[in-house]
Each structure stands twice: as C-alpha cells, then as structure tokens.
Amino acid sequence: MRQIEKEVDDSIRRIVNSRLKAMRAGESCDDDFLGRLLESNSQEIHKHGSKGVGMSTQEVVEECKLFYFEIGRA
C-alpha cells in the first residue's frame, strides 16, 4: 500500500510540476480542476506577495488525491 501511495504521489507531483512550468511559460491551464486550483493558488500568492501564503506542492497533491478519490466513490 505504501508503494502504491508513493507512486500516486509521484505521478500527481509530476503532473503538477508540468502544469506549473507551463503556467510560468504563459500557457493557459485553467480548463480543469488542477488548472483552476493552481491558477487560484498563484493569484493568492501574487496578491499577498509571498509564497508562504498559498498552498505548497504537497498540499496541491493531497487536494488532487482527495478530489479524485471522492469522485471515484460517487
């Protein structure tokens, strides 16, 4: 179970990092849950001028897992 959890975390982290890189390059990524979450987080950080304000990458990963697994149960 721990190996599966690590693989899921690693996969989501790669997707998140890829999206963040695309956002920094000016690409629009807000057409799905992850894109909207990252865009909102980016705006919050920009608004307050500090990275300590928004969600960490690990918090984004956890939100994605929660969202995905809750949808899967519905």
C-alpha atoms as a PDB file:
ATOM      1  CA  MET A   1       0.000   0.000   0.000  1.00  0.00           C
ATOM      2  CA  ARG A   2       2.844   2.385   0.771  1.00  0.00           C
ATOM      3  CA  GLN A   3       4.430   1.709  -2.612  1.00  0.00           C
ATOM      4  CA  ILE A   4       1.132   2.472  -4.361  1.00  0.00           C
ATOM      5  CA  GLU A   5       0.721   5.661  -2.345  1.00  0.00           C
ATOM      6  CA  LYS A   6       4.243   6.749  -3.297  1.00  0.00           C
ATOM      7  CA  GLU A   7       3.580   6.029  -6.975  1.00  0.00           C
ATOM      8  CA  VAL A   8       0.332   8.019  -6.885  1.00  0.00           C
ATOM      9  CA  ASP A   9       2.067  10.924  -5.123  1.00  0.00           C
ATOM     10  CA  ASP A  10       4.951  10.859  -7.604  1.00  0.00           C
ATOM     11  CA  SER A  11       2.609  10.768 -10.592  1.00  0.00           C
ATOM     12  CA  ILE A  12       0.493  13.663  -9.367  1.00  0.00           C
ATOM     13  CA  ARG A  13       3.597  15.655  -8.406  1.00  0.00           C
ATOM     14  CA  ARG A  14       4.973  15.237 -11.953  1.00  0.00           C
ATOM     15  CA  ILE A  15       1.683  16.478 -13.403  1.00  0.00           C
ATOM     16  CA  VAL A  16       1.572  19.440 -11.009  1.00  0.00           C
ATOM     17  CA  ASN A  17       5.171  20.398 -11.780  1.00  0.00           C
ATOM     18  CA  SER A  18       4.486  20.141 -15.502  1.00  0.00           C
ATOM     19  CA  ARG A  19       1.457  22.405 -15.175  1.00  0.00           C
ATOM     20  CA  LEU A  20       3.387  24.925 -13.082  1.00  0.00           C
ATOM     21  CA  LYS A  21       6.113  25.013 -15.716  1.00  0.00           C
ATOM     22  CA  ALA A  22       3.501  25.597 -18.435  1.00  0.00           C
ATOM     23  CA  MET A  23       1.898  28.384 -16.406  1.00  0.00           C
ATOM     24  CA  ARG A  24       5.274  30.091 -15.965  1.00  0.00           C
ATOM     25  CA  ALA A  25       5.706  29.888 -19.745  1.00  0.00           C
ATOM     26  CA  GLY A  26       2.410  31.754 -20.165  1.00  0.00           C
ATOM     27  CA  GLU A  27       0.245  28.835 -21.205  1.00  0.00           C
ATOM     28  CA  SER A  28      -3.359  28.769 -20.024  1.00  0.00           C
ATOM     29  CA  CYS A  29      -4.027  25.735 -17.834  1.00  0.00           C
ATOM     30  CA  ASP A  30      -7.312  26.586 -16.132  1.00  0.00           C
ATOM     31  CA  ASP A  31      -9.669  24.283 -18.027  1.00  0.00           C
ATOM     32  CA  ASP A  32      -9.832  21.547 -15.378  1.00  0.00           C
ATOM     33  CA  PHE A  33      -9.731  21.086 -11.602  1.00  0.00           C
ATOM     34  CA  LEU A  34      -5.945  21.089 -11.304  1.00  0.00           C
ATOM     35  CA  GLY A  35      -5.544  24.090 -13.579  1.00  0.00           C
ATOM     36  CA  ARG A  36      -8.087  26.105 -11.631  1.00  0.00           C
ATOM     37  CA  LEU A  37      -6.548  25.099  -8.330  1.00  0.00           C
ATOM     38  CA  LEU A  38      -3.065  26.125  -9.479  1.00  0.00           C
ATOM     39  CA  GLU A  39      -4.314  29.366 -11.025  1.00  0.00           C
ATOM     40  CA  SER A  40      -6.191  30.300  -7.846  1.00  0.00           C
ATOM     41  CA  ASN A  41      -3.162  29.446  -5.738  1.00  0.00           C
ATOM     42  CA  SER A  42      -0.908  31.511  -7.994  1.00  0.00           C
ATOM     43  CA  GLN A  43      -3.239  34.509  -7.750  1.00  0.00           C
ATOM     44  CA  GLU A  44      -3.331  34.235  -3.955  1.00  0.00           C
ATOM     45  CA  ILE A  45       0.470  34.127  -3.782  1.00  0.00           C
ATOM     46  CA  HIS A  46       0.746  37.080  -6.160  1.00  0.00           C
ATOM     47  CA  LYS A  47      -1.886  39.056  -4.229  1.00  0.00           C
ATOM     48  CA  HIS A  48      -0.019  38.685  -0.948  1.00  0.00           C
ATOM     49  CA  GLY A  49       3.486  38.792  -2.414  1.00  0.00           C
ATOM     50  CA  SER A  50       4.713  35.755  -0.544  1.00  0.00           C
ATOM     51  CA  LYS A  51       4.998  32.063  -1.304  1.00  0.00           C
ATOM     52  CA  GLY A  52       4.188  31.353   2.353  1.00  0.00           C
ATOM     53  CA  VAL A  53       0.571  32.346   1.720  1.00  0.00           C
ATOM     54  CA  GLY A  54      -0.553  29.808  -0.871  1.00  0.00           C
ATOM     55  CA  MET A  55      -0.641  26.040  -0.909  1.00  0.00           C
ATOM     56  CA  SER A  56       2.554  24.012  -1.094  1.00  0.00           C
ATOM     57  CA  THR A  57       3.056  21.464  -3.870  1.00  0.00           C
ATOM     58  CA  GLN A  58       2.357  18.681  -1.372  1.00  0.00           C
ATOM     59  CA  GLU A  59      -0.913  20.345  -0.356  1.00  0.00           C
ATOM     60  CA  VAL A  60      -1.917  20.567  -4.021  1.00  0.00           C
ATOM     61  CA  VAL A  61      -1.073  16.854  -4.443  1.00  0.00           C
ATOM     62  CA  GLU A  62      -3.217  15.993  -1.411  1.00  0.00           C
ATOM     63  CA  GLU A  63      -6.147  18.059  -2.753  1.00  0.00           C
ATOM     64  CA  CYS A  64      -5.902  16.263  -6.097  1.00  0.00           C
ATOM     65  CA  LYS A  65      -5.920  12.862  -4.404  1.00  0.00           C
ATOM     66  CA  LEU A  66      -8.901  13.858  -2.256  1.00  0.00           C
ATOM     67  CA  PHE A  67     -10.821  15.159  -5.275  1.00  0.00           C
ATOM     68  CA  TYR A  68     -10.009  12.137  -7.450  1.00  0.00           C
ATOM     69  CA  PHE A  69     -10.837   9.523  -4.832  1.00  0.00           C
ATOM     70  CA  GLU A  70     -14.030  11.283  -3.724  1.00  0.00           C
ATOM     71  CA  ILE A  71     -15.260  11.431  -7.327  1.00  0.00           C
ATOM     72  CA  GLY A  72     -14.391   7.760  -7.734  1.00  0.00           C
ATOM     73  CA  ARG A  73     -16.574   6.866  -4.766  1.00  0.00           C
ATOM     74  CA  ALA A  74     -19.586   8.778  -6.080  1.00  0.00           C
END
